[in-house]
């Protein structure tokens, strides 16, 4: 048997409605997520880091557009 990855995180007590629990179980089953704790971890991470990802993507996109515009201006200047 292989070693299992140890989790050194702290436990949190979170209350869910019965419907939300049923929906979470169904979602996990349909998406192949191993348990509800993993679903909550993924959801929280996605929520927290979504803004960071958007900012990074926007910054990179703006940088690419700026580079393209600079090359176009340079090309127009030489023509």
N, C-alpha and C. Protein backbone atom coordinates (compact mmCIF):
# COMPACT_ATOMS: atom_id res chain seq x y z
N UNK A 1 0.83 -1.18 0.00
CA UNK A 1 0.00 0.00 0.00
C UNK A 1 0.88 1.25 0.00
N UNK A 2 0.47 2.26 -0.78
CA UNK A 2 1.21 3.50 -0.83
C UNK A 2 0.89 4.39 0.35
N UNK A 3 1.76 5.34 0.55
CA UNK A 3 1.52 6.28 1.64
C UNK A 3 0.39 7.22 1.27
N UNK A 4 -0.45 7.49 2.24
CA UNK A 4 -1.51 8.45 2.01
C UNK A 4 -1.01 9.83 2.36
N UNK A 5 -1.47 10.81 1.61
CA UNK A 5 -1.11 12.19 1.86
C UNK A 5 -1.77 12.65 3.16
N UNK A 6 -0.99 13.17 4.06
CA UNK A 6 -1.53 13.65 5.34
C UNK A 6 -2.02 15.07 5.20
N UNK A 7 -3.11 15.33 5.84
CA UNK A 7 -3.67 16.67 5.84
C UNK A 7 -3.36 17.32 7.18
N UNK A 8 -2.69 18.44 7.15
CA UNK A 8 -2.34 19.14 8.37
C UNK A 8 -3.20 20.39 8.55
N UNK A 9 -4.38 20.36 8.01
CA UNK A 9 -5.26 21.51 8.12
C UNK A 9 -6.13 21.42 9.36
N UNK A 10 -6.70 22.54 9.72
CA UNK A 10 -7.59 22.57 10.87
C UNK A 10 -9.01 22.31 10.43
N UNK A 11 -9.76 21.66 11.26
CA UNK A 11 -11.16 21.38 10.96
C UNK A 11 -12.00 22.60 11.27
N UNK A 12 -13.03 22.81 10.46
CA UNK A 12 -13.98 23.91 10.64
C UNK A 12 -15.38 23.31 10.67
N UNK A 13 -16.21 23.83 11.52
CA UNK A 13 -17.59 23.37 11.60
C UNK A 13 -18.45 24.34 10.79
N UNK A 14 -19.12 23.80 9.78
CA UNK A 14 -19.96 24.62 8.91
C UNK A 14 -21.34 23.99 8.84
N UNK A 15 -22.36 24.80 9.01
CA UNK A 15 -23.73 24.31 8.94
C UNK A 15 -24.29 24.49 7.54
N UNK A 16 -24.93 23.45 7.01
CA UNK A 16 -25.58 23.48 5.71
C UNK A 16 -27.02 23.06 5.88
N UNK A 17 -27.88 23.52 4.99
CA UNK A 17 -29.27 23.06 4.99
C UNK A 17 -29.30 21.62 4.47
N UNK A 18 -30.39 20.92 4.73
CA UNK A 18 -30.52 19.54 4.24
C UNK A 18 -30.45 19.51 2.71
N UNK A 19 -31.09 20.48 2.07
CA UNK A 19 -31.07 20.52 0.60
C UNK A 19 -29.66 20.74 0.08
N UNK A 20 -28.93 21.66 0.71
CA UNK A 20 -27.56 21.93 0.27
C UNK A 20 -26.68 20.70 0.44
N UNK A 21 -26.85 19.98 1.54
CA UNK A 21 -26.08 18.75 1.75
C UNK A 21 -26.39 17.72 0.67
N UNK A 22 -27.66 17.55 0.34
CA UNK A 22 -28.05 16.61 -0.71
C UNK A 22 -27.48 17.04 -2.05
N UNK A 23 -27.54 18.33 -2.34
CA UNK A 23 -26.98 18.85 -3.59
C UNK A 23 -25.47 18.65 -3.65
N UNK A 24 -24.81 18.86 -2.52
CA UNK A 24 -23.36 18.66 -2.48
C UNK A 24 -22.98 17.21 -2.73
N UNK A 25 -23.71 16.27 -2.09
CA UNK A 25 -23.43 14.85 -2.31
C UNK A 25 -23.63 14.48 -3.78
N UNK A 26 -24.71 14.96 -4.35
CA UNK A 26 -25.00 14.68 -5.75
C UNK A 26 -23.92 15.27 -6.66
N UNK A 27 -23.55 16.50 -6.39
CA UNK A 27 -22.53 17.17 -7.20
C UNK A 27 -21.21 16.42 -7.13
N UNK A 28 -20.80 16.04 -5.92
CA UNK A 28 -19.56 15.29 -5.74
C UNK A 28 -19.59 13.98 -6.53
N UNK A 29 -20.70 13.29 -6.43
CA UNK A 29 -20.85 12.01 -7.13
C UNK A 29 -20.75 12.22 -8.65
N UNK A 30 -21.42 13.25 -9.17
CA UNK A 30 -21.43 13.50 -10.61
C UNK A 30 -20.08 14.00 -11.14
N UNK A 31 -19.35 14.73 -10.32
CA UNK A 31 -18.07 15.31 -10.75
C UNK A 31 -16.86 14.49 -10.34
N UNK A 32 -17.09 13.40 -9.60
CA UNK A 32 -15.97 12.55 -9.19
C UNK A 32 -15.12 13.16 -8.09
N UNK A 33 -15.71 14.03 -7.31
CA UNK A 33 -15.00 14.63 -6.18
C UNK A 33 -15.12 13.66 -5.01
N UNK A 34 -14.00 13.39 -4.35
CA UNK A 34 -13.98 12.28 -3.39
C UNK A 34 -14.85 12.48 -2.16
N UNK A 35 -15.03 13.72 -1.71
CA UNK A 35 -15.89 13.94 -0.55
C UNK A 35 -16.32 15.41 -0.48
N UNK A 36 -17.22 15.69 0.42
CA UNK A 36 -17.75 17.04 0.54
C UNK A 36 -16.70 18.03 1.04
N UNK A 37 -15.78 17.57 1.86
CA UNK A 37 -14.71 18.45 2.34
C UNK A 37 -13.87 18.95 1.17
N UNK A 38 -13.57 18.06 0.26
CA UNK A 38 -12.79 18.45 -0.91
C UNK A 38 -13.56 19.45 -1.76
N UNK A 39 -14.85 19.25 -1.91
CA UNK A 39 -15.69 20.19 -2.65
C UNK A 39 -15.63 21.57 -2.00
N UNK A 40 -15.76 21.63 -0.68
CA UNK A 40 -15.72 22.91 0.02
C UNK A 40 -14.36 23.57 -0.15
N UNK A 41 -13.28 22.79 -0.04
CA UNK A 41 -11.94 23.36 -0.23
C UNK A 41 -11.79 23.93 -1.64
N UNK A 42 -12.24 23.19 -2.64
CA UNK A 42 -12.15 23.67 -4.03
C UNK A 42 -12.98 24.93 -4.23
N UNK A 43 -14.19 24.94 -3.68
CA UNK A 43 -15.08 26.09 -3.84
C UNK A 43 -14.51 27.33 -3.17
N UNK A 44 -13.97 27.18 -1.97
CA UNK A 44 -13.40 28.32 -1.26
C UNK A 44 -12.18 28.85 -2.01
N UNK A 45 -11.31 27.96 -2.45
CA UNK A 45 -10.12 28.38 -3.19
C UNK A 45 -10.51 29.10 -4.47
N UNK A 46 -11.47 28.57 -5.18
CA UNK A 46 -11.93 29.21 -6.42
C UNK A 46 -12.48 30.60 -6.14
N UNK A 47 -13.24 30.73 -5.08
CA UNK A 47 -13.83 32.01 -4.71
C UNK A 47 -12.76 33.03 -4.31
N UNK A 48 -11.80 32.60 -3.51
CA UNK A 48 -10.76 33.50 -3.04
C UNK A 48 -9.82 33.92 -4.16
N UNK A 49 -9.39 32.97 -4.99
CA UNK A 49 -8.36 33.25 -5.98
C UNK A 49 -8.90 33.68 -7.33
N UNK A 50 -10.21 33.70 -7.52
CA UNK A 50 -10.79 34.10 -8.80
C UNK A 50 -10.38 35.52 -9.17
N UNK A 51 -10.45 36.43 -8.23
CA UNK A 51 -10.07 37.82 -8.49
C UNK A 51 -8.61 37.94 -8.87
N UNK A 52 -7.77 37.19 -8.21
CA UNK A 52 -6.33 37.21 -8.51
C UNK A 52 -6.07 36.71 -9.92
N UNK A 53 -6.73 35.60 -10.30
CA UNK A 53 -6.56 35.06 -11.65
C UNK A 53 -7.03 36.06 -12.69
N UNK A 54 -8.19 36.70 -12.44
CA UNK A 54 -8.71 37.68 -13.38
C UNK A 54 -7.76 38.86 -13.54
N UNK A 55 -7.21 39.34 -12.42
CA UNK A 55 -6.27 40.45 -12.48
C UNK A 55 -5.02 40.07 -13.26
N UNK A 56 -4.51 38.87 -13.03
CA UNK A 56 -3.31 38.42 -13.73
C UNK A 56 -3.58 38.28 -15.22
N UNK A 57 -4.73 37.68 -15.56
CA UNK A 57 -5.08 37.53 -16.97
C UNK A 57 -5.27 38.89 -17.64
N UNK A 58 -5.95 39.79 -16.94
CA UNK A 58 -6.16 41.13 -17.50
C UNK A 58 -4.84 41.85 -17.70
N UNK A 59 -3.94 41.75 -16.73
CA UNK A 59 -2.64 42.39 -16.83
C UNK A 59 -1.86 41.83 -18.01
N UNK A 60 -1.83 40.50 -18.14
CA UNK A 60 -1.11 39.87 -19.25
C UNK A 60 -1.73 40.25 -20.59
N UNK A 61 -3.05 40.29 -20.66
CA UNK A 61 -3.73 40.66 -21.90
C UNK A 61 -3.43 42.10 -22.28
N UNK A 62 -3.49 42.99 -21.29
CA UNK A 62 -3.19 44.40 -21.56
C UNK A 62 -1.75 44.57 -22.02
N UNK A 63 -0.83 43.82 -21.42
CA UNK A 63 0.57 43.88 -21.81
C UNK A 63 0.74 43.43 -23.26
N UNK A 64 0.06 42.35 -23.64
CA UNK A 64 0.15 41.86 -25.02
C UNK A 64 -0.42 42.89 -25.99
N UNK A 65 -1.54 43.49 -25.64
CA UNK A 65 -2.15 44.51 -26.51
C UNK A 65 -1.22 45.71 -26.64
N UNK A 66 -0.61 46.12 -25.54
CA UNK A 66 0.31 47.25 -25.57
C UNK A 66 1.50 46.94 -26.47
N UNK A 67 2.03 45.72 -26.39
CA UNK A 67 3.15 45.33 -27.24
C UNK A 67 2.77 45.37 -28.72
N UNK A 68 1.58 44.86 -29.03
CA UNK A 68 1.10 44.86 -30.42
C UNK A 68 0.94 46.28 -30.93
N UNK A 69 0.32 47.13 -30.10
CA UNK A 69 0.13 48.53 -30.51
C UNK A 69 1.46 49.24 -30.70
N UNK A 70 2.43 48.95 -29.86
CA UNK A 70 3.75 49.56 -29.99
C UNK A 70 4.40 49.17 -31.31
N UNK A 71 4.28 47.88 -31.66
CA UNK A 71 4.84 47.41 -32.94
C UNK A 71 4.12 48.05 -34.12
N UNK A 72 2.81 48.21 -34.00
CA UNK A 72 2.04 48.84 -35.07
C UNK A 72 2.44 50.30 -35.25
N UNK A 73 2.62 51.01 -34.13
CA UNK A 73 3.03 52.41 -34.20
C UNK A 73 4.40 52.53 -34.82
N UNK A 74 5.30 51.65 -34.44
CA UNK A 74 6.64 51.66 -34.99
C UNK A 74 6.60 51.38 -36.49
N UNK A 75 5.78 50.44 -36.90
CA UNK A 75 5.64 50.09 -38.31
C UNK A 75 5.06 51.27 -39.09
N UNK A 76 4.08 51.93 -38.54
CA UNK A 76 3.46 53.08 -39.21
C UNK A 76 4.46 54.22 -39.32
N UNK A 77 5.25 54.44 -38.29
CA UNK A 77 6.24 55.51 -38.29
C UNK A 77 7.26 55.31 -39.39
N UNK A 78 7.68 54.08 -39.64
CA UNK A 78 8.69 53.82 -40.65
C UNK A 78 8.13 53.83 -42.06
N UNK A 79 6.82 53.62 -42.21
CA UNK A 79 6.22 53.64 -43.54
C UNK A 79 6.02 55.08 -43.94
